[in-house]
N, C-alpha and C. Protein backbone atom coordinates (compact mmCIF):
# COMPACT_ATOMS: atom_id res chain seq x y z
N MET A 1 60.80 63.40 -56.77
CA MET A 1 59.70 62.76 -57.46
C MET A 1 60.27 61.75 -58.45
N SER A 2 59.63 60.62 -58.62
CA SER A 2 60.17 59.57 -59.46
C SER A 2 59.71 59.64 -60.91
N THR A 3 58.72 60.45 -61.19
CA THR A 3 58.26 60.59 -62.57
C THR A 3 58.34 62.06 -62.94
N GLN A 4 58.95 62.35 -64.07
CA GLN A 4 59.05 63.74 -64.53
C GLN A 4 58.94 63.78 -66.03
N THR A 5 58.52 64.93 -66.53
CA THR A 5 58.44 65.12 -67.97
C THR A 5 59.71 65.83 -68.41
N ASP A 6 60.47 65.20 -69.32
CA ASP A 6 61.71 65.78 -69.81
C ASP A 6 61.45 66.72 -70.97
N THR A 7 60.76 66.24 -71.96
CA THR A 7 60.40 67.02 -73.13
C THR A 7 58.97 66.66 -73.47
N PRO A 8 58.30 67.47 -74.25
CA PRO A 8 56.93 67.09 -74.63
C PRO A 8 56.92 65.69 -75.23
N GLY A 9 56.05 64.85 -74.71
CA GLY A 9 55.95 63.49 -75.21
C GLY A 9 56.97 62.54 -74.63
N SER A 10 57.69 62.96 -73.58
CA SER A 10 58.70 62.10 -72.97
C SER A 10 58.56 62.14 -71.45
N VAL A 11 58.51 60.97 -70.84
CA VAL A 11 58.39 60.86 -69.39
C VAL A 11 59.52 59.97 -68.88
N THR A 12 60.21 60.41 -67.84
CA THR A 12 61.26 59.60 -67.22
C THR A 12 60.77 59.13 -65.86
N THR A 13 60.86 57.81 -65.63
CA THR A 13 60.44 57.23 -64.36
C THR A 13 61.57 56.35 -63.85
N VAL A 14 61.86 56.45 -62.55
CA VAL A 14 62.88 55.62 -61.93
C VAL A 14 62.20 54.60 -61.02
N TYR A 15 62.55 53.33 -61.23
CA TYR A 15 61.99 52.23 -60.44
C TYR A 15 63.09 51.59 -59.61
N LYS A 16 62.70 50.99 -58.47
CA LYS A 16 63.61 50.20 -57.65
C LYS A 16 63.31 48.73 -57.93
N VAL A 17 64.38 47.97 -58.22
CA VAL A 17 64.26 46.55 -58.51
C VAL A 17 65.22 45.81 -57.59
N SER A 18 64.74 44.76 -56.91
CA SER A 18 65.62 44.00 -56.03
C SER A 18 66.13 42.76 -56.73
N GLY A 19 67.36 42.39 -56.38
CA GLY A 19 67.95 41.16 -56.88
C GLY A 19 68.97 41.31 -57.99
N MET A 20 69.10 42.50 -58.57
CA MET A 20 70.10 42.68 -59.63
C MET A 20 71.49 42.75 -59.01
N SER A 21 72.45 42.01 -59.60
CA SER A 21 73.80 42.01 -59.03
C SER A 21 74.92 42.16 -60.06
N CYS A 22 74.57 42.17 -61.35
CA CYS A 22 75.63 42.22 -62.37
C CYS A 22 75.09 42.77 -63.69
N GLY A 23 75.98 42.89 -64.65
CA GLY A 23 75.60 43.39 -65.97
C GLY A 23 74.58 42.51 -66.66
N HIS A 24 74.66 41.21 -66.44
CA HIS A 24 73.68 40.30 -67.05
C HIS A 24 72.28 40.60 -66.49
N CYS A 25 72.21 40.84 -65.19
CA CYS A 25 70.93 41.19 -64.56
C CYS A 25 70.38 42.48 -65.17
N GLU A 26 71.26 43.47 -65.31
CA GLU A 26 70.85 44.75 -65.91
C GLU A 26 70.28 44.54 -67.30
N GLY A 27 70.96 43.70 -68.09
CA GLY A 27 70.51 43.43 -69.46
C GLY A 27 69.18 42.72 -69.51
N ALA A 28 68.98 41.78 -68.59
CA ALA A 28 67.72 41.03 -68.56
C ALA A 28 66.55 41.95 -68.24
N VAL A 29 66.72 42.78 -67.22
CA VAL A 29 65.65 43.71 -66.83
C VAL A 29 65.41 44.74 -67.93
N SER A 30 66.48 45.31 -68.46
CA SER A 30 66.34 46.31 -69.53
C SER A 30 65.66 45.72 -70.75
N GLY A 31 66.03 44.50 -71.11
CA GLY A 31 65.45 43.86 -72.28
C GLY A 31 63.95 43.64 -72.16
N GLU A 32 63.51 43.19 -70.99
CA GLU A 32 62.08 42.95 -70.79
C GLU A 32 61.29 44.25 -70.76
N ILE A 33 61.79 45.25 -70.04
CA ILE A 33 61.06 46.52 -69.95
C ILE A 33 61.02 47.21 -71.31
N SER A 34 62.07 47.08 -72.10
CA SER A 34 62.11 47.76 -73.40
C SER A 34 61.07 47.22 -74.37
N GLU A 35 60.50 46.05 -74.07
CA GLU A 35 59.46 45.48 -74.92
C GLU A 35 58.07 46.06 -74.64
N ILE A 36 57.93 46.84 -73.58
CA ILE A 36 56.65 47.47 -73.27
C ILE A 36 56.40 48.56 -74.30
N PRO A 37 55.22 48.56 -74.93
CA PRO A 37 54.93 49.61 -75.93
C PRO A 37 55.09 51.01 -75.35
N GLY A 38 55.74 51.88 -76.10
CA GLY A 38 55.92 53.27 -75.69
C GLY A 38 57.24 53.55 -75.00
N VAL A 39 58.00 52.49 -74.65
CA VAL A 39 59.28 52.69 -73.99
C VAL A 39 60.34 53.09 -75.02
N GLY A 40 61.04 54.19 -74.74
CA GLY A 40 62.08 54.67 -75.63
C GLY A 40 63.46 54.19 -75.23
N SER A 41 63.74 54.21 -73.92
CA SER A 41 65.04 53.74 -73.44
C SER A 41 64.93 53.25 -72.01
N VAL A 42 65.87 52.35 -71.66
CA VAL A 42 65.91 51.79 -70.31
C VAL A 42 67.37 51.73 -69.87
N LYS A 43 67.64 52.15 -68.65
CA LYS A 43 68.99 52.02 -68.09
C LYS A 43 68.87 51.43 -66.69
N ALA A 44 69.39 50.21 -66.53
CA ALA A 44 69.37 49.54 -65.23
C ALA A 44 70.76 49.62 -64.62
N ILE A 45 70.82 49.86 -63.31
CA ILE A 45 72.08 49.93 -62.59
C ILE A 45 71.99 48.96 -61.41
N ALA A 46 72.71 47.84 -61.51
CA ALA A 46 72.64 46.80 -60.49
C ALA A 46 73.10 47.30 -59.12
N SER A 47 74.15 48.12 -59.08
CA SER A 47 74.71 48.56 -57.80
C SER A 47 73.73 49.37 -56.95
N THR A 48 72.82 50.08 -57.61
CA THR A 48 71.83 50.88 -56.88
C THR A 48 70.45 50.25 -56.88
N GLY A 49 70.24 49.27 -57.77
CA GLY A 49 68.92 48.66 -57.90
C GLY A 49 67.93 49.57 -58.59
N GLU A 50 68.43 50.58 -59.29
CA GLU A 50 67.53 51.52 -59.96
C GLU A 50 67.47 51.27 -61.46
N VAL A 51 66.28 51.42 -61.99
CA VAL A 51 66.04 51.29 -63.42
C VAL A 51 65.35 52.57 -63.89
N THR A 52 65.99 53.29 -64.80
CA THR A 52 65.44 54.53 -65.33
C THR A 52 64.83 54.25 -66.69
N VAL A 53 63.55 54.60 -66.84
CA VAL A 53 62.82 54.32 -68.07
C VAL A 53 62.32 55.63 -68.66
N VAL A 54 62.62 55.86 -69.93
CA VAL A 54 62.09 57.00 -70.66
C VAL A 54 61.03 56.46 -71.61
N SER A 55 59.83 57.03 -71.51
CA SER A 55 58.71 56.54 -72.31
C SER A 55 57.91 57.71 -72.88
N GLU A 56 57.05 57.37 -73.83
CA GLU A 56 56.21 58.39 -74.47
C GLU A 56 55.15 58.94 -73.52
N ALA A 57 54.72 58.11 -72.58
CA ALA A 57 53.68 58.48 -71.61
C ALA A 57 53.94 57.67 -70.34
N PRO A 58 53.34 58.05 -69.21
CA PRO A 58 53.52 57.24 -68.00
C PRO A 58 53.13 55.79 -68.27
N LEU A 59 53.93 54.87 -67.72
CA LEU A 59 53.69 53.45 -67.94
C LEU A 59 52.78 52.88 -66.86
N ASP A 60 52.08 51.83 -67.22
CA ASP A 60 51.26 51.09 -66.28
C ASP A 60 52.20 50.31 -65.35
N ASP A 61 52.09 50.54 -64.05
CA ASP A 61 52.99 49.89 -63.10
C ASP A 61 52.91 48.37 -63.19
N GLU A 62 51.73 47.84 -63.47
CA GLU A 62 51.59 46.38 -63.57
C GLU A 62 52.32 45.83 -64.78
N ALA A 63 52.39 46.59 -65.87
CA ALA A 63 53.14 46.16 -67.05
C ALA A 63 54.63 46.12 -66.73
N VAL A 64 55.10 47.11 -65.98
CA VAL A 64 56.51 47.14 -65.58
C VAL A 64 56.79 45.99 -64.62
N ARG A 65 55.88 45.75 -63.67
CA ARG A 65 56.04 44.65 -62.71
C ARG A 65 56.12 43.31 -63.44
N ALA A 66 55.25 43.11 -64.42
CA ALA A 66 55.24 41.85 -65.18
C ALA A 66 56.55 41.67 -65.95
N ALA A 67 57.07 42.75 -66.52
CA ALA A 67 58.33 42.68 -67.27
C ALA A 67 59.49 42.34 -66.34
N VAL A 68 59.53 42.97 -65.17
CA VAL A 68 60.60 42.71 -64.21
C VAL A 68 60.49 41.27 -63.70
N ASP A 69 59.26 40.81 -63.43
CA ASP A 69 59.05 39.42 -63.00
C ASP A 69 59.53 38.45 -64.07
N GLU A 70 59.24 38.75 -65.33
CA GLU A 70 59.66 37.89 -66.44
C GLU A 70 61.19 37.78 -66.50
N ALA A 71 61.87 38.85 -66.12
CA ALA A 71 63.33 38.85 -66.11
C ALA A 71 63.89 38.10 -64.89
N GLY A 72 63.01 37.78 -63.93
CA GLY A 72 63.43 37.02 -62.76
C GLY A 72 63.76 37.87 -61.54
N PHE A 73 63.24 39.09 -61.51
CA PHE A 73 63.52 40.00 -60.41
C PHE A 73 62.23 40.54 -59.84
N GLU A 74 62.34 41.34 -58.77
CA GLU A 74 61.16 41.89 -58.11
C GLU A 74 61.15 43.41 -58.19
N LEU A 75 60.02 43.95 -58.67
CA LEU A 75 59.83 45.39 -58.68
C LEU A 75 59.42 45.82 -57.28
N VAL A 76 60.23 46.68 -56.67
CA VAL A 76 59.93 47.18 -55.33
C VAL A 76 58.93 48.33 -55.43
N GLY A 77 59.08 49.17 -56.45
CA GLY A 77 58.20 50.31 -56.65
C GLY A 77 58.96 51.43 -57.32
N LYS A 78 58.37 52.60 -57.33
CA LYS A 78 59.05 53.77 -57.90
C LYS A 78 60.07 54.28 -56.89
N ALA A 79 61.19 54.73 -57.41
CA ALA A 79 62.27 55.21 -56.53
C ALA A 79 61.94 56.60 -55.99
């Protein structure tokens, strides 16, 4: 499952993002997603195309898609 509750008030979701190839890409995606209200942490891994987001509550997929688009990449969906 791609969304799980870690602790009360904390949700971890893993997304697949296409087009990331380096640390700069990871930083761009992480930076945009981290601006979404409620996001606590973001870890992007270019080699796998996965972005792990820890948030206070489940995020709106369209908000995540818009953030990834703003960074110049494509959100494939939840991993």
